[in-house]
Amino acid sequence: MASEITYEELATLIKTRAGVSVTVDELADPGCMFLDLGVDSLGVLGVLADVENRYGVSIDSSDLLGRPVAEFLHTVNSTVKAGA
């Protein structure tokens, strides 16, 4: 199992858990917010739950909601690496 979630994997998780199709380029935009992509807080929580279940980690959602996608991914990857 990979120890880092890529933008490609995040795009797949967003499609699966939130029902929104996004591109890697959209996700990689440093200022991009989930709401800009049409992903609401429930969609973000769904993605987060999937990551927690896959990697056996616990991530505090209050630290992530309302943050840019790049920051979300960095925090999630740091947590996954620390828990691996």
PDB file of N, CA and C in Angstrom:
ATOM      1  N   MET A   1       0.841  -1.174   0.000  1.00  0.00           N
ATOM      2  CA  MET A   1       0.000   0.000   0.000  1.00  0.00           C
ATOM      3  C   MET A   1       0.888   1.240   0.000  1.00  0.00           C
ATOM      4  N   ALA A   2       0.554   2.220  -0.829  1.00  0.00           N
ATOM      5  CA  ALA A   2       1.321   3.453  -0.909  1.00  0.00           C
ATOM      6  C   ALA A   2       1.244   4.207   0.411  1.00  0.00           C
ATOM      7  N   SER A   3       2.317   4.920   0.724  1.00  0.00           N
ATOM      8  CA  SER A   3       2.318   5.679   1.968  1.00  0.00           C
ATOM      9  C   SER A   3       2.014   7.150   1.716  1.00  0.00           C
ATOM     10  N   GLU A   4       1.711   7.490   0.477  1.00  0.00           N
ATOM     11  CA  GLU A   4       1.351   8.865   0.151  1.00  0.00           C
ATOM     12  C   GLU A   4       0.178   8.865  -0.824  1.00  0.00           C
ATOM     13  N   ILE A   5      -0.784   9.710  -0.542  1.00  0.00           N
ATOM     14  CA  ILE A   5      -1.950   9.821  -1.405  1.00  0.00           C
ATOM     15  C   ILE A   5      -1.631  10.860  -2.471  1.00  0.00           C
ATOM     16  N   THR A   6      -1.806  10.494  -3.721  1.00  0.00           N
ATOM     17  CA  THR A   6      -1.509  11.390  -4.836  1.00  0.00           C
ATOM     18  C   THR A   6      -2.752  12.196  -5.199  1.00  0.00           C
ATOM     19  N   TYR A   7      -2.539  13.219  -6.007  1.00  0.00           N
ATOM     20  CA  TYR A   7      -3.683  13.981  -6.506  1.00  0.00           C
ATOM     21  C   TYR A   7      -4.611  13.095  -7.334  1.00  0.00           C
ATOM     22  N   GLU A   8      -4.038  12.135  -8.051  1.00  0.00           N
ATOM     23  CA  GLU A   8      -4.854  11.211  -8.838  1.00  0.00           C
ATOM     24  C   GLU A   8      -5.767  10.387  -7.932  1.00  0.00           C
ATOM     25  N   GLU A   9      -5.197   9.866  -6.841  1.00  0.00           N
ATOM     26  CA  GLU A   9      -6.001   9.081  -5.911  1.00  0.00           C
ATOM     27  C   GLU A   9      -7.056   9.948  -5.239  1.00  0.00           C
ATOM     28  N   LEU A  10      -6.679  11.174  -4.898  1.00  0.00           N
ATOM     29  CA  LEU A  10      -7.646  12.081  -4.281  1.00  0.00           C
ATOM     30  C   LEU A  10      -8.797  12.377  -5.233  1.00  0.00           C
ATOM     31  N   ALA A  11      -8.498  12.561  -6.509  1.00  0.00           N
ATOM     32  CA  ALA A  11      -9.555  12.803  -7.501  1.00  0.00           C
ATOM     33  C   ALA A  11     -10.516  11.614  -7.565  1.00  0.00           C
ATOM     34  N   THR A  12      -9.974  10.413  -7.504  1.00  0.00           N
ATOM     35  CA  THR A  12     -10.812   9.210  -7.512  1.00  0.00           C
ATOM     36  C   THR A  12     -11.667   9.133  -6.250  1.00  0.00           C
ATOM     37  N   LEU A  13     -11.077   9.429  -5.098  1.00  0.00           N
ATOM     38  CA  LEU A  13     -11.834   9.415  -3.843  1.00  0.00           C
ATOM     39  C   LEU A  13     -12.962  10.441  -3.863  1.00  0.00           C
ATOM     40  N   ILE A  14     -12.685  11.624  -4.406  1.00  0.00           N
ATOM     41  CA  ILE A  14     -13.711  12.668  -4.483  1.00  0.00           C
ATOM     42  C   ILE A  14     -14.855  12.211  -5.381  1.00  0.00           C
ATOM     43  N   LYS A  15     -14.537  11.592  -6.491  1.00  0.00           N
ATOM     44  CA  LYS A  15     -15.578  11.087  -7.395  1.00  0.00           C
ATOM     45  C   LYS A  15     -16.402  10.006  -6.711  1.00  0.00           C
ATOM     46  N   THR A  16     -15.731   9.093  -6.017  1.00  0.00           N
ATOM     47  CA  THR A  16     -16.397   7.976  -5.366  1.00  0.00           C
ATOM     48  C   THR A  16     -17.212   8.406  -4.159  1.00  0.00           C
ATOM     49  N   ARG A  17     -16.632   9.230  -3.314  1.00  0.00           N
ATOM     50  CA  ARG A  17     -17.265   9.580  -2.032  1.00  0.00           C
ATOM     51  C   ARG A  17     -18.160  10.811  -2.103  1.00  0.00           C
ATOM     52  N   ALA A  18     -17.864  11.754  -3.027  1.00  0.00           N
ATOM     53  CA  ALA A  18     -18.650  12.988  -3.101  1.00  0.00           C
ATOM     54  C   ALA A  18     -19.431  13.114  -4.404  1.00  0.00           C
ATOM     55  N   GLY A  19     -19.127  12.227  -5.359  1.00  0.00           N
ATOM     56  CA  GLY A  19     -19.851  12.253  -6.626  1.00  0.00           C
ATOM     57  C   GLY A  19     -19.501  13.424  -7.528  1.00  0.00           C
ATOM     58  N   VAL A  20     -18.318  13.990  -7.338  1.00  0.00           N
ATOM     59  CA  VAL A  20     -17.890  15.151  -8.111  1.00  0.00           C
ATOM     60  C   VAL A  20     -16.634  14.777  -8.894  1.00  0.00           C
ATOM     61  N   SER A  21     -16.663  15.030 -10.193  1.00  0.00           N
ATOM     62  CA  SER A  21     -15.487  14.769 -11.034  1.00  0.00           C
ATOM     63  C   SER A  21     -14.584  15.989 -11.033  1.00  0.00           C
ATOM     64  N   VAL A  22     -13.324  15.779 -10.701  1.00  0.00           N
ATOM     65  CA  VAL A  22     -12.335  16.855 -10.695  1.00  0.00           C
ATOM     66  C   VAL A  22     -11.083  16.379 -11.402  1.00  0.00           C
ATOM     67  N   THR A  23     -10.299  17.323 -11.878  1.00  0.00           N
ATOM     68  CA  THR A  23      -9.048  16.975 -12.543  1.00  0.00           C
ATOM     69  C   THR A  23      -7.881  17.151 -11.575  1.00  0.00           C
ATOM     70  N   VAL A  24      -6.789  16.527 -11.902  1.00  0.00           N
ATOM     71  CA  VAL A  24      -5.574  16.659 -11.106  1.00  0.00           C
ATOM     72  C   VAL A  24      -5.110  18.115 -11.121  1.00  0.00           C
ATOM     73  N   ASP A  25      -5.215  18.771 -12.264  1.00  0.00           N
ATOM     74  CA  ASP A  25      -4.801  20.176 -12.362  1.00  0.00           C
ATOM     75  C   ASP A  25      -5.626  21.063 -11.437  1.00  0.00           C
ATOM     76  N   GLU A  26      -6.914  20.811 -11.339  1.00  0.00           N
ATOM     77  CA  GLU A  26      -7.754  21.584 -10.425  1.00  0.00           C
ATOM     78  C   GLU A  26      -7.304  21.371  -8.981  1.00  0.00           C
ATOM     79  N   LEU A  27      -7.060  20.127  -8.624  1.00  0.00           N
ATOM     80  CA  LEU A  27      -6.654  19.808  -7.259  1.00  0.00           C
ATOM     81  C   LEU A  27      -5.285  20.394  -6.914  1.00  0.00           C
ATOM     82  N   ALA A  28      -4.389  20.436  -7.884  1.00  0.00           N
ATOM     83  CA  ALA A  28      -3.021  20.893  -7.647  1.00  0.00           C
ATOM     84  C   ALA A  28      -2.901  22.416  -7.578  1.00  0.00           C
ATOM     85  N   ASP A  29      -3.945  23.139  -7.946  1.00  0.00           N
ATOM     86  CA  ASP A  29      -3.925  24.603  -7.855  1.00  0.00           C
ATOM     87  C   ASP A  29      -3.780  24.988  -6.383  1.00  0.00           C
ATOM     88  N   PRO A  30      -2.717  25.711  -6.012  1.00  0.00           N
ATOM     89  CA  PRO A  30      -2.447  25.997  -4.598  1.00  0.00           C
ATOM     90  C   PRO A  30      -3.592  26.671  -3.841  1.00  0.00           C
ATOM     91  N   GLY A  31      -4.404  27.468  -4.513  1.00  0.00           N
ATOM     92  CA  GLY A  31      -5.486  28.168  -3.828  1.00  0.00           C
ATOM     93  C   GLY A  31      -6.835  27.487  -3.925  1.00  0.00           C
ATOM     94  N   CYS A  32      -6.871  26.326  -4.547  1.00  0.00           N
ATOM     95  CA  CYS A  32      -8.133  25.628  -4.784  1.00  0.00           C
ATOM     96  C   CYS A  32      -8.750  25.130  -3.474  1.00  0.00           C
ATOM     97  N   MET A  33     -10.024  25.452  -3.308  1.00  0.00           N
ATOM     98  CA  MET A  33     -10.771  24.996  -2.135  1.00  0.00           C
ATOM     99  C   MET A  33     -11.763  23.923  -2.590  1.00  0.00           C
ATOM    100  N   PHE A  34     -12.118  23.014  -1.690  1.00  0.00           N
ATOM    101  CA  PHE A  34     -13.085  21.977  -2.044  1.00  0.00           C
ATOM    102  C   PHE A  34     -14.399  22.578  -2.525  1.00  0.00           C
ATOM    103  N   LEU A  35     -14.854  23.638  -1.880  1.00  0.00           N
ATOM    104  CA  LEU A  35     -16.116  24.266  -2.293  1.00  0.00           C
ATOM    105  C   LEU A  35     -16.039  24.818  -3.711  1.00  0.00           C
ATOM    106  N   ASP A  36     -14.848  25.273  -4.127  1.00  0.00           N
ATOM    107  CA  ASP A  36     -14.661  25.751  -5.501  1.00  0.00           C
ATOM    108  C   ASP A  36     -14.930  24.643  -6.508  1.00  0.00           C
ATOM    109  N   LEU A  37     -14.704  23.411  -6.084  1.00  0.00           N
ATOM    110  CA  LEU A  37     -14.882  22.242  -6.955  1.00  0.00           C
ATOM    111  C   LEU A  37     -16.286  21.658  -6.860  1.00  0.00           C
ATOM    112  N   GLY A  38     -17.092  22.193  -5.951  1.00  0.00           N
ATOM    113  CA  GLY A  38     -18.437  21.663  -5.751  1.00  0.00           C
ATOM    114  C   GLY A  38     -18.495  20.556  -4.719  1.00  0.00           C
ATOM    115  N   VAL A  39     -17.448  20.428  -3.911  1.00  0.00           N
ATOM    116  CA  VAL A  39     -17.392  19.400  -2.868  1.00  0.00           C
ATOM    117  C   VAL A  39     -17.687  20.080  -1.535  1.00  0.00           C
ATOM    118  N   ASP A  40     -18.794  19.685  -0.909  1.00  0.00           N
ATOM    119  CA  ASP A  40     -19.153  20.290   0.371  1.00  0.00           C
ATOM    120  C   ASP A  40     -18.474  19.561   1.528  1.00  0.00           C
ATOM    121  N   SER A  41     -18.748  20.017   2.744  1.00  0.00           N
ATOM    122  CA  SER A  41     -18.074  19.447   3.914  1.00  0.00           C
ATOM    123  C   SER A  41     -18.387  17.969   4.095  1.00  0.00           C
ATOM    124  N   LEU A  42     -19.599  17.550   3.744  1.00  0.00           N
ATOM    125  CA  LEU A  42     -19.929  16.119   3.853  1.00  0.00           C
ATOM    126  C   LEU A  42     -19.106  15.293   2.878  1.00  0.00           C
ATOM    127  N   GLY A  43     -18.861  15.833   1.699  1.00  0.00           N
ATOM    128  CA  GLY A  43     -18.012  15.146   0.730  1.00  0.00           C
ATOM    129  C   GLY A  43     -16.587  15.024   1.228  1.00  0.00           C
ATOM    130  N   VAL A  44     -16.075  16.094   1.833  1.00  0.00           N
ATOM    131  CA  VAL A  44     -14.721  16.071   2.387  1.00  0.00           C
ATOM    132  C   VAL A  44     -14.642  15.042   3.515  1.00  0.00           C
ATOM    133  N   LEU A  45     -15.656  15.010   4.362  1.00  0.00           N
ATOM    134  CA  LEU A  45     -15.669  14.028   5.456  1.00  0.00           C
ATOM    135  C   LEU A  45     -15.724  12.603   4.921  1.00  0.00           C
ATOM    136  N   GLY A  46     -16.437  12.395   3.823  1.00  0.00           N
ATOM    137  CA  GLY A  46     -16.484  11.073   3.200  1.00  0.00           C
ATOM    138  C   GLY A  46     -15.121  10.645   2.689  1.00  0.00           C
ATOM    139  N   VAL A  47     -14.408  11.567   2.056  1.00  0.00           N
ATOM    140  CA  VAL A  47     -13.046  11.286   1.583  1.00  0.00           C
ATOM    141  C   VAL A  47     -12.144  10.972   2.772  1.00  0.00           C
ATOM    142  N   LEU A  48     -12.263  11.777   3.797  1.00  0.00           N
ATOM    143  CA  LEU A  48     -11.443  11.589   4.994  1.00  0.00           C
ATOM    144  C   LEU A  48     -11.717  10.240   5.656  1.00  0.00           C
ATOM    145  N   ALA A  49     -12.981   9.856   5.744  1.00  0.00           N
ATOM    146  CA  ALA A  49     -13.335   8.562   6.342  1.00  0.00           C
ATOM    147  C   ALA A  49     -12.727   7.416   5.546  1.00  0.00           C
ATOM    148  N   ASP A  50     -12.745   7.540   4.228  1.00  0.00           N
ATOM    149  CA  ASP A  50     -12.163   6.500   3.377  1.00  0.00           C
ATOM    150  C   ASP A  50     -10.662   6.381   3.632  1.00  0.00           C
ATOM    151  N   VAL A  51      -9.974   7.521   3.720  1.00  0.00           N
ATOM    152  CA  VAL A  51      -8.535   7.522   3.987  1.00  0.00           C
ATOM    153  C   VAL A  51      -8.253   6.896   5.348  1.00  0.00           C
ATOM    154  N   GLU A  52      -9.019   7.286   6.360  1.00  0.00           N
ATOM    155  CA  GLU A  52      -8.816   6.734   7.705  1.00  0.00           C
ATOM    156  C   GLU A  52      -8.998   5.219   7.711  1.00  0.00           C
ATOM    157  N   ASN A  53     -10.012   4.733   7.024  1.00  0.00           N
ATOM    158  CA  ASN A  53     -10.256   3.289   6.971  1.00  0.00           C
ATOM    159  C   ASN A  53      -9.159   2.550   6.212  1.00  0.00           C
ATOM    160  N   ARG A  54      -8.707   3.102   5.106  1.00  0.00           N
ATOM    161  CA  ARG A  54      -7.666   2.447   4.300  1.00  0.00           C
ATOM    162  C   ARG A  54      -6.328   2.357   5.020  1.00  0.00           C
ATOM    163  N   TYR A  55      -5.979   3.441   5.712  1.00  0.00           N
ATOM    164  CA  TYR A  55      -4.640   3.535   6.281  1.00  0.00           C
ATOM    165  C   TYR A  55      -4.602   3.332   7.786  1.00  0.00           C
ATOM    166  N   GLY A  56      -5.755   3.146   8.417  1.00  0.00           N
ATOM    167  CA  GLY A  56      -5.804   2.887   9.849  1.00  0.00           C
ATOM    168  C   GLY A  56      -5.310   4.041  10.694  1.00  0.00           C
ATOM    169  N   VAL A  57      -5.589   5.255  10.241  1.00  0.00           N
ATOM    170  CA  VAL A  57      -5.181   6.447  10.985  1.00  0.00           C
ATOM    171  C   VAL A  57      -6.415   7.240  11.382  1.00  0.00           C
ATOM    172  N   SER A  58      -6.229   8.137  12.323  1.00  0.00           N
ATOM    173  CA  SER A  58      -7.298   9.038  12.741  1.00  0.00           C
ATOM    174  C   SER A  58      -6.849  10.459  12.444  1.00  0.00           C
ATOM    175  N   ILE A  59      -7.686  11.189  11.719  1.00  0.00           N
ATOM    176  CA  ILE A  59      -7.343  12.545  11.311  1.00  0.00           C
ATOM    177  C   ILE A  59      -8.424  13.482  11.828  1.00  0.00           C
ATOM    178  N   ASP A  60      -8.027  14.546  12.506  1.00  0.00           N
ATOM    179  CA  ASP A  60      -8.961  15.509  13.061  1.00  0.00           C
ATOM    180  C   ASP A  60      -9.533  16.367  11.935  1.00  0.00           C
ATOM    181  N   SER A  61     -10.799  16.165  11.623  1.00  0.00           N
ATOM    182  CA  SER A  61     -11.419  16.876  10.514  1.00  0.00           C
ATOM    183  C   SER A  61     -11.525  18.371  10.767  1.00  0.00           C
ATOM    184  N   SER A  62     -11.588  18.782  12.021  1.00  0.00           N
ATOM    185  CA  SER A  62     -11.712  20.212  12.301  1.00  0.00           C
ATOM    186  C   SER A  62     -10.475  20.980  11.851  1.00  0.00           C
ATOM    187  N   ASP A  63      -9.354  20.289  11.741  1.00  0.00           N
ATOM    188  CA  ASP A  63      -8.130  20.923  11.255  1.00  0.00           C
ATOM    189  C   ASP A  63      -8.105  21.058   9.734  1.00  0.00           C
ATOM    190  N   LEU A  64      -8.982  20.361   9.050  1.00  0.00           N
ATOM    191  CA  LEU A  64      -8.894  20.295   7.596  1.00  0.00           C
ATOM    192  C   LEU A  64     -10.020  21.008   6.857  1.00  0.00           C
ATOM    193  N   LEU A  65     -11.189  21.066   7.443  1.00  0.00           N
ATOM    194  CA  LEU A  65     -12.313  21.682   6.748  1.00  0.00           C
ATOM    195  C   LEU A  65     -12.045  23.171   6.549  1.00  0.00           C
ATOM    196  N   GLY A  66     -12.304  23.644   5.357  1.00  0.00           N
ATOM    197  CA  GLY A  66     -12.083  25.052   5.058  1.00  0.00           C
ATOM    198  C   GLY A  66     -10.668  25.406   4.653  1.00  0.00           C
ATOM    199  N   ARG A  67      -9.839  24.405   4.476  1.00  0.00           N
ATOM    200  CA  ARG A  67      -8.461  24.645   4.048  1.00  0.00           C
ATOM    201  C   ARG A  67      -8.328  24.312   2.559  1.00  0.00           C
ATOM    202  N   PRO A  68      -7.318  24.891   1.894  1.00  0.00           N
ATOM    203  CA  PRO A  68      -7.092  24.552   0.481  1.00  0.00           C
ATOM    204  C   PRO A  68      -6.806  23.061   0.311  1.00  0.00           C
ATOM    205  N   VAL A  69      -7.123  22.556  -0.859  1.00  0.00           N
ATOM    206  CA  VAL A  69      -6.945  21.135  -1.155  1.00  0.00           C
ATOM    207  C   VAL A  69      -5.495  20.707  -0.950  1.00  0.00           C
ATOM    208  N   ALA A  70      -4.553  21.505  -1.410  1.00  0.00           N
ATOM    209  CA  ALA A  70      -3.128  21.147  -1.277  1.00  0.00           C
ATOM    210  C   ALA A  70      -2.740  21.006   0.191  1.00  0.00           C
ATOM    211  N   GLU A  71      -3.250  21.886   1.032  1.00  0.00           N
ATOM    212  CA  GLU A  71      -2.961  21.816   2.459  1.00  0.00           C
ATOM    213  C   GLU A  71      -3.618  20.577   3.088  1.00  0.00           C
ATOM    214  N   PHE A  72      -4.836  20.288   2.658  1.00  0.00           N
ATOM    215  CA  PHE A  72      -5.548  19.083   3.100  1.00  0.00           C
ATOM    216  C   PHE A  72      -4.703  17.852   2.777  1.00  0.00           C
ATOM    217  N   LEU A  73      -4.249  17.756   1.523  1.00  0.00           N
ATOM    218  CA  LEU A  73      -3.486  16.589   1.091  1.00  0.00           C
ATOM    219  C   LEU A  73      -2.165  16.487   1.846  1.00  0.00           C
ATOM    220  N   HIS A  74      -1.500  17.594   2.070  1.00  0.00           N
ATOM    221  CA  HIS A  74      -0.241  17.581   2.821  1.00  0.00           C
ATOM    222  C   HIS A  74      -0.468  17.062   4.240  1.00  0.00           C
ATOM    223  N   THR A  75      -1.505  17.562   4.907  1.00  0.00           N
ATOM    224  CA  THR A  75      -1.801  17.139   6.280  1.00  0.00           C
ATOM    225  C   THR A  75      -2.159  15.654   6.323  1.00  0.00           C
ATOM    226  N   VAL A  76      -2.994  15.220   5.403  1.00  0.00           N
ATOM    227  CA  VAL A  76      -3.386  13.813   5.346  1.00  0.00           C
ATOM    228  C   VAL A  76      -2.156  12.935   5.107  1.00  0.00           C
ATOM    229  N   ASN A  77      -1.308  13.309   4.162  1.00  0.00           N
ATOM    230  CA  ASN A  77      -0.113  12.507   3.866  1.00  0.00           C
ATOM    231  C   ASN A  77       0.842  12.462   5.046  1.00  0.00           C
ATOM    232  N   SER A  78       0.993  13.573   5.754  1.00  0.00           N
ATOM    233  CA  SER A  78       1.855  13.581   6.940  1.00  0.00           C
ATOM    234  C   SER A  78       1.320  12.620   7.996  1.00  0.00           C
ATOM    235  N   THR A  79       0.016  12.605   8.181  1.00  0.00           N
ATOM    236  CA  THR A  79      -0.614  11.722   9.158  1.00  0.00           C
ATOM    237  C   THR A  79      -0.482  10.266   8.739  1.00  0.00           C
ATOM    238  N   VAL A  80      -0.700  10.002   7.462  1.00  0.00           N
ATOM    239  CA  VAL A  80      -0.593   8.629   6.961  1.00  0.00           C
ATOM    240  C   VAL A  80       0.850   8.119   7.124  1.00  0.00           C
ATOM    241  N   LYS A  81       1.820   8.946   6.786  1.00  0.00           N
ATOM    242  CA  LYS A  81       3.235   8.538   6.914  1.00  0.00           C
ATOM    243  C   LYS A  81       3.590   8.278   8.371  1.00  0.00           C
ATOM    244  N   ALA A  82       3.118   9.130   9.257  1.00  0.00           N
ATOM    245  CA  ALA A  82       3.418   8.974  10.674  1.00  0.00           C
ATOM    246  C   ALA A  82       2.763   7.715  11.258  1.00  0.00           C
ATOM    247  N   GLY A  83       1.615   7.357  10.686  1.00  0.00           N
ATOM    248  CA  GLY A  83       0.898   6.181  11.190  1.00  0.00           C
ATOM    249  C   GLY A  83       1.276   4.888  10.522  1.00  0.00           C
ATOM    250  N   ALA A  84       2.073   4.976   9.458  1.00  0.00           N
ATOM    251  CA  ALA A  84       2.441   3.777   8.704  1.00  0.00           C
ATOM    252  C   ALA A  84       3.547   2.999   9.374  1.00  0.00           C
TER     253      ALA A  84
END
